[in-house]
Protein backbone atom coordinates (compact mmCIF):
# COMPACT_ATOMS: atom_id res chain seq x y z
CA MET A 1 0.00 0.00 0.00
CA ALA A 2 1.54 3.31 -1.01
CA ASP A 3 0.06 6.65 -2.04
CA GLY A 4 1.20 8.73 0.93
CA LEU A 5 1.90 5.97 3.41
CA GLU A 6 5.47 5.38 2.23
CA ASN A 7 6.87 5.96 5.72
CA ILE A 8 4.22 3.82 7.38
CA VAL A 9 4.25 0.18 6.42
CA LYS A 10 1.04 -1.70 5.78
CA GLU A 11 1.80 -3.87 8.82
CA SER A 12 1.67 -0.81 11.10
CA VAL A 13 -1.05 -0.88 13.74
CA LEU A 14 -3.01 2.30 14.34
CA GLN A 15 -4.88 3.35 17.44
CA MET A 16 -6.92 6.33 18.51
CA ALA A 17 -4.69 9.07 19.90
CA HIS A 18 -4.59 9.62 23.66
CA GLY A 19 -7.76 11.40 24.78
CA VAL A 20 -9.59 10.82 21.48
CA ARG A 21 -12.69 8.64 21.20
CA LEU A 22 -15.67 7.97 18.98
CA LYS A 23 -19.21 8.55 20.19
CA ASP A 24 -22.59 7.88 18.63
CA ASP A 25 -24.73 11.00 18.44
CA GLU A 26 -28.23 9.56 18.27
CA GLU A 27 -29.86 12.98 17.94
CA ARG A 28 -27.86 13.89 14.83
CA GLN A 29 -27.60 10.26 13.69
CA CYS A 30 -23.85 10.45 13.18
CA LYS A 31 -20.55 9.68 14.86
CA LEU A 32 -18.59 12.31 16.71
CA LEU A 33 -14.88 12.36 17.33
CA LEU A 34 -14.38 13.66 20.85
CA MET A 35 -11.05 15.28 21.69
CA PRO A 36 -9.93 17.59 24.45
CA GLU A 37 -11.47 20.99 23.65
CA CYS A 38 -12.77 19.87 20.25
CA ILE A 39 -15.59 17.83 18.73
CA VAL A 40 -15.62 16.75 15.08
CA LYS A 41 -18.79 15.57 13.34
CA LEU A 42 -17.70 12.71 11.08
CA ASN A 43 -19.16 11.76 7.74
CA HIS A 44 -20.08 8.12 7.12
CA SER A 45 -16.81 7.19 5.40
CA ALA A 46 -14.62 8.72 8.11
CA SER A 47 -16.56 7.02 10.87
CA GLU A 48 -16.33 3.63 9.12
CA VAL A 49 -12.55 3.93 8.86
CA LEU A 50 -12.06 5.19 12.42
CA GLU A 51 -14.25 2.40 13.82
CA LEU A 52 -11.63 0.00 12.43
CA VAL A 53 -8.76 1.84 14.12
CA ASP A 54 -8.86 -0.23 17.30
CA GLY A 55 -5.23 -0.74 18.26
CA ASN A 56 -5.29 -4.30 16.89
CA ARG A 57 -5.79 -3.99 13.14
CA THR A 58 -2.96 -3.20 10.77
CA ILE A 59 -3.40 -0.72 7.94
CA GLU A 60 -3.60 -3.65 5.53
CA MET A 61 -6.33 -5.28 7.65
CA ILE A 62 -8.31 -2.03 7.62
CA TYR A 63 -7.94 -1.81 3.84
CA SER A 64 -8.97 -5.46 3.38
CA GLU A 65 -12.09 -5.04 5.50
CA LEU A 66 -13.12 -1.91 3.59
CA ALA A 67 -12.40 -3.61 0.24
CA VAL A 68 -14.95 -6.31 1.10
CA ARG A 69 -17.58 -3.63 1.75
CA TYR A 70 -16.80 -1.37 -1.20
CA GLU A 71 -15.73 -1.99 -4.76
CA ASP A 72 -13.82 1.20 -5.38
CA ASP A 73 -10.82 1.67 -7.65
CA THR A 74 -9.60 4.58 -5.54
CA LEU A 75 -9.88 2.89 -2.13
CA HIS A 76 -6.10 2.57 -1.63
CA ARG A 77 -5.52 6.23 -2.40
CA ASP A 78 -8.56 7.46 -0.48
CA LEU A 79 -7.66 5.42 2.60
CA ALA A 80 -4.04 6.56 2.49
CA GLU A 81 -5.07 10.21 2.21
CA PHE A 82 -7.56 9.92 5.05
CA LEU A 83 -5.13 8.11 7.36
CA MET A 84 -2.38 10.64 6.67
CA ASP A 85 -4.82 13.47 7.39
CA ALA A 86 -6.06 11.80 10.59
CA LEU A 87 -2.45 11.25 11.72
CA SER A 88 -1.50 14.86 11.03
CA ARG A 89 -4.57 16.13 12.90
CA GLY A 90 -3.69 13.99 15.92
CA TRP A 91 -6.84 11.86 15.75
CA ILE A 92 -4.92 8.59 15.45
CA GLU A 93 -1.38 7.43 16.10
CA LEU A 94 0.90 4.50 15.45
CA LYS A 95 0.73 1.90 18.19
CA GLN A 96 4.10 1.55 19.84
């Protein structure tokens, strides 16, 4: 898997960053990303990816699970872009 994840190997395990968690917002019928001093309303795609970031799955496992759900020629690129963005925003981190 490439496209922006050159420095992060597909066997890397991702986890939610310290103090970050997902929450169902039943009133708005969406997922929220709760962080210290910040709340992000997630779209469906972002919430599906972040639900798979559990501290156990590798990037390749996340991709494989999404590939079963969606037939999309751009899935590799889209996932790489989203994960890089989530890493840079401090939503997720590499598990040590």
